[in-house]
Amino acid sequence: MNATPSALLLTALRHASLVLFVTIIAVFGALAPKFLTADNAINVLIQSTPTGIVAVGMTFVLLTAGVDLSVGAIMFLSAAIAGKMLAAGQPLPLALGAMLATGLGFGAINAFFITRLRIAPFIVTLALLFVGRGLALTITQTRAMNLPDRFLQLGSARVAGVPLPLVVLGAVLLVAHVVLMRTPFGRQIYALGNHPANARKAGIRTQRILATVYLISGLCAALGGILSLAQLGAVSPKFGEAYEFKAIAAAVLGGTSLFGGRGAVFPGTLLGAVLIQSIESGLVILNADPYLYPVITAAVIFLAVLTDSTRHTLLARLNRRRIRQELPT
């Protein structure tokens, strides 16, 4: 009898992102009919691709009960390096490769300090957030850099009629989903997040798993930076700012737990990224006060964390209750 309300609440919390998404669509659609048009829906999907890709990498990290606060700085630093290379006349493929290499490099630094020196992920990635942004500001001299048209063409290009950013996001989601759900590596990530001690006893090389997820996160951050840069066409001093929080919010809203061991990139993380972008797009269409945007974003992040915390508490309570019921009398 007592378990039924908790179980119902847990079910509602598991589908909170879907309920919130439908609510947001209904509210903005009622306030601004333009929000429900097909053109706006496509624009929302395209604009959500950078957040979605960064959030995919963040999902891998969160599944191990870690966190990566350096993703926004990686986006900024890789964009600054690419901007300088293109301004110097370097070919576009080389600049793109440098961006991806920067993401992998920062991911490797995170992995080294976390796995070798056993420093808490929060501390390591927070430090690299400041280091990365500081280096990027030094490279750009805190001035905006306009990129050549050939970079902007990446954002407007199409593959078989589908916008290139959506193709890239779809490919990343497909690979990530298959890795997490269909490979031993994916199962080991969930095992590590659920119970690190048991994972080590089972022979899982936990340090290697941890190192790999931070490499994945760094690579996804750089790739998200490429797509964001292709849409904006310029590197500003605030490029990539607060993306770490948007990525965390997207993953958690999609059902990934901050406590590790539970979550999925599809449809969870994707839905979370589209939800966040839908809110931003709706506020723009309504001509809302721009100073309210951070407040709304903060509210979404708080709701995501509160939902996950409540869900985690209920799961722990239900598990304890089930164990007590299974004990011999």
Protein backbone atom coordinates (compact mmCIF):
# COMPACT_ATOMS: atom_id res chain seq x y z
CA MET A 1 0.00 0.00 0.00
CA ASN A 2 2.71 2.47 1.01
CA ALA A 3 4.90 1.59 -1.96
CA THR A 4 2.27 2.53 -4.55
CA PRO A 5 2.45 6.35 -4.21
CA SER A 6 6.26 6.26 -4.25
CA ALA A 7 6.29 4.04 -7.31
CA LEU A 8 3.84 6.34 -9.09
CA LEU A 9 5.92 9.38 -8.21
CA LEU A 10 9.06 7.63 -9.43
CA THR A 11 7.36 6.86 -12.75
CA ALA A 12 6.34 10.51 -13.08
CA LEU A 13 9.89 11.65 -12.34
CA ARG A 14 11.30 9.28 -14.94
CA HIS A 15 9.10 10.95 -17.55
CA ALA A 16 9.54 14.48 -16.20
CA SER A 17 11.50 15.65 -19.24
CA LEU A 18 8.76 14.53 -21.63
CA VAL A 19 6.05 16.16 -19.51
CA LEU A 20 8.07 19.38 -19.26
CA PHE A 21 8.76 19.34 -23.00
CA VAL A 22 5.07 18.99 -23.88
CA THR A 23 4.21 21.72 -21.36
CA ILE A 24 6.80 24.13 -22.81
CA ILE A 25 5.57 23.50 -26.36
CA ALA A 26 1.95 24.06 -25.31
CA VAL A 27 2.69 27.26 -23.37
CA PHE A 28 4.86 28.91 -26.02
CA GLY A 29 2.51 27.71 -28.75
CA ALA A 30 -0.43 29.37 -27.01
CA LEU A 31 1.48 32.61 -26.41
CA ALA A 32 3.10 32.77 -29.85
CA PRO A 33 1.57 30.66 -32.68
CA LYS A 34 4.74 31.26 -34.72
CA PHE A 35 6.53 28.96 -32.26
CA LEU A 36 4.62 25.94 -33.61
CA THR A 37 5.59 26.43 -37.25
CA ALA A 38 7.69 23.88 -39.10
CA ASP A 39 10.39 26.44 -39.88
CA ASN A 40 10.81 27.25 -36.19
CA ALA A 41 10.91 23.56 -35.29
CA ILE A 42 13.74 23.00 -37.79
CA ASN A 43 15.60 26.04 -36.51
CA VAL A 44 15.28 24.80 -32.93
CA LEU A 45 16.68 21.40 -33.92
CA ILE A 46 19.61 22.94 -35.79
CA GLN A 47 20.40 25.41 -33.00
CA SER A 48 20.28 22.62 -30.42
CA THR A 49 22.97 20.56 -32.19
CA PRO A 50 25.98 22.08 -30.37
CA THR A 51 24.34 21.61 -26.97
CA GLY A 52 23.23 18.12 -27.94
CA ILE A 53 26.70 16.97 -28.95
CA VAL A 54 28.38 18.48 -25.88
CA ALA A 55 25.67 16.90 -23.73
CA VAL A 56 26.34 13.48 -25.28
CA GLY A 57 29.94 13.68 -24.07
CA MET A 58 28.74 14.93 -20.69
CA THR A 59 26.39 11.94 -20.46
CA PHE A 60 29.34 9.54 -20.67
CA VAL A 61 31.02 11.39 -17.79
CA LEU A 62 27.88 11.63 -15.65
CA LEU A 63 27.26 7.90 -16.04
CA THR A 64 30.50 7.33 -14.10
CA ALA A 65 29.29 9.75 -11.37
CA GLY A 66 31.81 12.34 -12.58
CA VAL A 67 31.44 15.80 -14.08
CA ASP A 68 33.27 17.85 -16.72
CA LEU A 69 33.12 21.60 -16.16
CA SER A 70 35.76 22.32 -18.80
CA VAL A 71 33.65 21.71 -21.93
CA GLY A 72 32.77 25.37 -22.48
CA ALA A 73 36.43 26.36 -22.15
CA ILE A 74 37.40 23.62 -24.61
CA MET A 75 34.91 25.03 -27.11
CA PHE A 76 36.32 28.55 -26.68
CA LEU A 77 39.99 27.56 -26.83
CA SER A 78 39.58 25.30 -29.85
CA ALA A 79 37.59 28.03 -31.64
CA ALA A 80 40.26 30.62 -30.82
CA ILE A 81 43.00 28.37 -32.21
CA ALA A 82 41.00 27.68 -35.37
CA GLY A 83 40.26 31.38 -35.81
CA LYS A 84 43.94 32.29 -35.63
CA MET A 85 44.86 29.52 -38.07
CA LEU A 86 42.24 30.59 -40.61
CA ALA A 87 43.28 34.25 -40.25
CA ALA A 88 46.83 33.13 -41.08
CA GLY A 89 45.62 31.46 -44.27
CA GLN A 90 45.71 27.84 -43.07
CA PRO A 91 43.33 25.41 -44.83
CA LEU A 92 39.96 24.71 -43.24
CA PRO A 93 40.50 20.94 -42.72
CA LEU A 94 43.68 21.68 -40.77
CA ALA A 95 41.84 24.18 -38.56
CA LEU A 96 39.05 21.67 -37.91
CA GLY A 97 41.61 19.00 -37.05
CA ALA A 98 43.29 21.40 -34.63
CA MET A 99 39.95 21.97 -32.88
CA LEU A 100 39.37 18.24 -32.43
CA ALA A 101 42.97 17.76 -31.28
CA THR A 102 42.50 20.51 -28.68
CA GLY A 103 39.41 18.74 -27.35
CA LEU A 104 41.25 15.43 -27.11
CA GLY A 105 44.24 17.15 -25.50
CA PHE A 106 42.18 18.75 -22.76
CA GLY A 107 40.30 15.49 -22.29
CA ALA A 108 43.63 13.72 -21.81
CA ILE A 109 44.72 16.30 -19.23
CA ASN A 110 41.48 15.80 -17.32
CA ALA A 111 41.93 12.03 -17.52
CA PHE A 112 45.52 12.18 -16.25
CA PHE A 113 44.78 14.22 -13.15
CA ILE A 114 41.60 12.28 -12.35
CA THR A 115 42.89 8.76 -12.89
CA ARG A 116 46.60 9.05 -12.10
CA LEU A 117 46.68 11.69 -9.38
CA ARG A 118 43.21 10.79 -8.04
CA ILE A 119 42.04 14.40 -7.85
CA ALA A 120 38.27 14.92 -7.75
CA PRO A 121 36.78 15.53 -11.24
CA PHE A 122 35.01 18.67 -10.03
CA ILE A 123 38.31 20.25 -8.97
CA VAL A 124 40.28 19.21 -12.06
CA THR A 125 37.70 20.28 -14.63
CA LEU A 126 36.93 23.51 -12.78
CA ALA A 127 40.63 24.40 -12.87
CA LEU A 128 40.81 23.63 -16.60
CA LEU A 129 37.74 25.78 -17.16
CA PHE A 130 39.71 28.82 -15.98
CA VAL A 131 42.93 27.70 -17.71
CA GLY A 132 41.17 27.11 -21.03
CA ARG A 133 39.27 30.38 -21.02
CA GLY A 134 42.38 32.26 -19.94
CA LEU A 135 44.41 30.80 -22.80
CA ALA A 136 41.63 31.55 -25.28
CA LEU A 137 41.33 35.16 -24.10
CA THR A 138 45.08 35.52 -24.46
CA ILE A 139 45.00 34.15 -28.01
CA THR A 140 42.09 36.38 -29.06
CA GLN A 141 43.26 39.35 -26.94
CA THR A 142 39.62 39.55 -25.76
CA ARG A 143 38.53 40.71 -29.22
CA ALA A 144 36.00 39.07 -31.51
CA MET A 145 37.37 37.30 -34.59
CA ASN A 146 35.24 37.00 -37.71
CA LEU A 147 35.74 33.77 -39.61
CA PRO A 148 35.86 33.36 -43.41
CA ASP A 149 32.72 32.43 -45.31
CA ARG A 150 33.94 28.90 -45.93
CA PHE A 151 33.49 28.15 -42.23
CA LEU A 152 29.93 29.50 -42.25
CA GLN A 153 29.18 27.22 -45.18
CA LEU A 154 29.52 24.26 -42.81
CA GLY A 155 26.47 25.49 -40.93
CA SER A 156 24.36 25.92 -44.06
CA ALA A 157 25.54 22.83 -45.95
CA ARG A 158 23.15 19.95 -46.58
CA VAL A 159 23.61 16.22 -47.04
CA ALA A 160 20.84 14.63 -49.10
CA GLY A 161 18.67 17.61 -48.24
CA VAL A 162 19.31 17.35 -44.49
CA PRO A 163 21.21 20.20 -42.76
CA LEU A 164 24.78 19.13 -42.00
CA PRO A 165 24.53 19.96 -38.25
CA LEU A 166 21.60 17.53 -37.93
CA VAL A 167 23.54 14.86 -39.82
CA VAL A 168 26.51 15.27 -37.46
CA LEU A 169 24.27 15.20 -34.38
CA GLY A 170 22.48 12.10 -35.68
CA ALA A 171 25.78 10.33 -36.31
CA VAL A 172 27.11 11.19 -32.85
CA LEU A 173 23.88 10.04 -31.20
CA LEU A 174 23.88 6.78 -33.16
CA VAL A 175 27.49 5.94 -32.30
CA ALA A 176 27.05 6.91 -28.64
CA HIS A 177 23.81 4.94 -28.31
CA VAL A 178 25.32 1.82 -29.83
CA VAL A 179 28.44 2.11 -27.66
CA LEU A 180 26.45 2.50 -24.45
CA MET A 181 23.75 -0.05 -25.15
CA ARG A 182 25.42 -2.69 -27.34
CA THR A 183 29.07 -2.97 -26.33
CA PRO A 184 30.99 -4.33 -23.32
CA PHE A 185 32.53 -0.88 -22.88
CA GLY A 186 29.08 0.63 -22.44
CA ARG A 187 28.06 -1.99 -19.88
CA GLN A 188 31.28 -1.36 -17.99
CA ILE A 189 30.50 2.38 -17.82
CA TYR A 190 27.12 1.62 -16.22
CA ALA A 191 28.71 -0.89 -13.85
CA LEU A 192 31.32 1.65 -12.77
CA GLY A 193 28.67 4.30 -12.17
CA ASN A 194 26.42 1.96 -10.21
CA HIS A 195 29.06 0.58 -7.86
CA PRO A 196 32.78 1.36 -8.39
CA ALA A 197 34.00 -1.16 -5.80
CA ASN A 198 32.00 -4.01 -7.31
CA ALA A 199 33.17 -3.00 -10.79
CA ARG A 200 36.81 -3.27 -9.69
CA LYS A 201 36.13 -6.65 -8.05
CA ALA A 202 34.61 -7.85 -11.32
CA GLY A 203 37.89 -7.11 -13.10
CA ILE A 204 36.79 -3.94 -14.88
CA ARG A 205 39.71 -1.59 -15.53
CA THR A 206 37.94 1.35 -13.98
CA GLN A 207 40.75 3.86 -14.47
CA ARG A 208 40.86 3.15 -18.18
CA ILE A 209 37.08 3.57 -18.38
CA LEU A 210 37.31 6.92 -16.57
CA ALA A 211 40.11 8.14 -18.81
CA THR A 212 38.15 7.20 -21.94
CA VAL A 213 34.95 9.00 -20.94
CA TYR A 214 36.85 12.27 -20.38
CA LEU A 215 38.51 11.89 -23.77
CA ILE A 216 35.05 11.40 -25.29
CA SER A 217 33.76 14.47 -23.46
CA GLY A 218 36.65 16.61 -24.71
CA LEU A 219 36.17 15.42 -28.28
CA CYS A 220 32.42 16.11 -28.16
CA ALA A 221 33.08 19.58 -26.73
CA ALA A 222 35.38 20.41 -29.65
CA LEU A 223 32.89 19.02 -32.16
CA GLY A 224 30.11 21.04 -30.54
CA GLY A 225 32.38 24.07 -30.81
CA ILE A 226 32.75 23.48 -34.56
CA LEU A 227 28.99 23.42 -35.08
CA SER A 228 28.40 26.44 -32.86
CA LEU A 229 31.14 28.37 -34.66
CA ALA A 230 29.69 27.39 -38.04
CA GLN A 231 26.35 28.92 -36.99
CA LEU A 232 27.77 32.11 -35.44
CA GLY A 233 30.64 32.80 -37.83
CA ALA A 234 32.72 34.59 -35.18
CA VAL A 235 34.68 33.88 -32.02
CA SER A 236 33.62 36.25 -29.25
CA PRO A 237 35.09 36.52 -25.73
CA LYS A 238 31.96 34.80 -24.40
CA PHE A 239 32.01 31.93 -26.87
CA GLY A 240 31.15 28.64 -25.15
CA GLU A 241 30.34 30.36 -21.87
CA ALA A 242 28.02 28.37 -19.55
CA TYR A 243 27.86 25.46 -22.02
CA GLU A 244 28.98 23.13 -19.25
CA PHE A 245 25.80 23.90 -17.33
CA LYS A 246 23.59 23.60 -20.40
CA ALA A 247 25.16 20.22 -21.17
CA ILE A 248 24.65 18.97 -17.62
CA ALA A 249 21.07 20.24 -17.59
CA ALA A 250 20.31 18.60 -20.96
CA ALA A 251 21.70 15.25 -19.82
CA VAL A 252 19.95 15.31 -16.45
CA LEU A 253 16.65 16.50 -17.91
CA GLY A 254 16.95 13.54 -20.28
CA GLY A 255 17.11 11.13 -17.35
CA THR A 256 20.85 10.79 -16.73
CA SER A 257 21.61 10.67 -13.02
CA LEU A 258 24.18 12.90 -11.36
CA PHE A 259 24.85 9.93 -9.07
CA GLY A 260 26.00 7.74 -11.98
CA GLY A 261 24.92 4.43 -13.49
CA ARG A 262 21.64 5.52 -15.07
CA GLY A 263 20.79 7.37 -18.28
CA ALA A 264 20.84 7.24 -22.08
CA VAL A 265 21.76 9.58 -24.90
CA PHE A 266 18.72 8.63 -26.99
CA PRO A 267 16.10 9.82 -26.61
CA GLY A 268 17.02 11.21 -23.17
CA THR A 269 19.94 13.60 -23.76
CA LEU A 270 18.60 14.64 -27.16
CA LEU A 271 15.23 15.52 -25.64
CA GLY A 272 16.92 17.53 -22.91
CA ALA A 273 18.99 19.54 -25.42
CA VAL A 274 15.96 20.29 -27.60
CA LEU A 275 13.98 21.27 -24.50
CA ILE A 276 16.58 23.84 -23.45
CA GLN A 277 16.80 25.29 -26.95
CA SER A 278 12.99 25.40 -27.20
CA ILE A 279 12.87 27.55 -24.08
CA GLU A 280 15.48 29.95 -25.47
CA SER A 281 13.74 30.11 -28.84
CA GLY A 282 10.36 30.71 -27.23
CA LEU A 283 11.72 33.57 -25.15
CA VAL A 284 13.21 35.18 -28.27
CA ILE A 285 9.93 34.89 -30.17
CA LEU A 286 8.07 36.45 -27.23
CA ASN A 287 10.62 39.30 -27.10
CA ALA A 288 11.24 38.55 -23.44
CA ASP A 289 13.72 40.61 -21.46
CA PRO A 290 17.20 39.21 -22.30
CA TYR A 291 18.19 39.63 -18.66
CA LEU A 292 15.63 36.94 -17.84
CA TYR A 293 17.41 34.30 -19.96
CA PRO A 294 19.98 33.39 -17.27
CA VAL A 295 17.19 33.24 -14.69
CA ILE A 296 15.18 30.84 -16.85
CA THR A 297 18.26 28.73 -17.58
CA ALA A 298 19.09 28.59 -13.87
CA ALA A 299 15.53 27.50 -13.11
CA VAL A 300 15.79 24.69 -15.69
CA ILE A 301 19.09 23.50 -14.20
CA PHE A 302 17.64 23.62 -10.68
CA LEU A 303 14.59 21.66 -11.81
CA ALA A 304 16.83 19.05 -13.47
CA VAL A 305 18.95 18.60 -10.34
CA LEU A 306 15.90 18.53 -8.06
CA THR A 307 14.22 15.91 -10.25
CA ASP A 308 17.32 13.71 -10.27
CA SER A 309 17.87 14.06 -6.52
CA THR A 310 14.25 13.17 -5.76
CA ARG A 311 14.39 10.24 -8.18
CA HIS A 312 17.61 8.96 -6.57
CA THR A 313 16.14 9.22 -3.07
CA LEU A 314 12.99 7.36 -4.08
CA LEU A 315 14.98 4.62 -5.79
CA ALA A 316 17.12 4.13 -2.70
CA ARG A 317 14.02 4.00 -0.50
CA LEU A 318 12.27 1.49 -2.76
CA ASN A 319 15.39 -0.69 -2.91
CA ARG A 320 15.70 -0.74 0.88
CA ARG A 321 12.05 -1.66 1.18
CA ARG A 322 12.41 -4.49 -1.34
CA ILE A 323 15.47 -5.85 0.48
CA ARG A 324 13.61 -5.86 3.79
CA GLN A 325 10.70 -7.73 2.17
CA GLU A 326 13.08 -10.35 0.75
CA LEU A 327 14.86 -10.99 4.05
CA PRO A 328 13.86 -14.34 5.66
CA THR A 329 11.65 -14.05 8.71
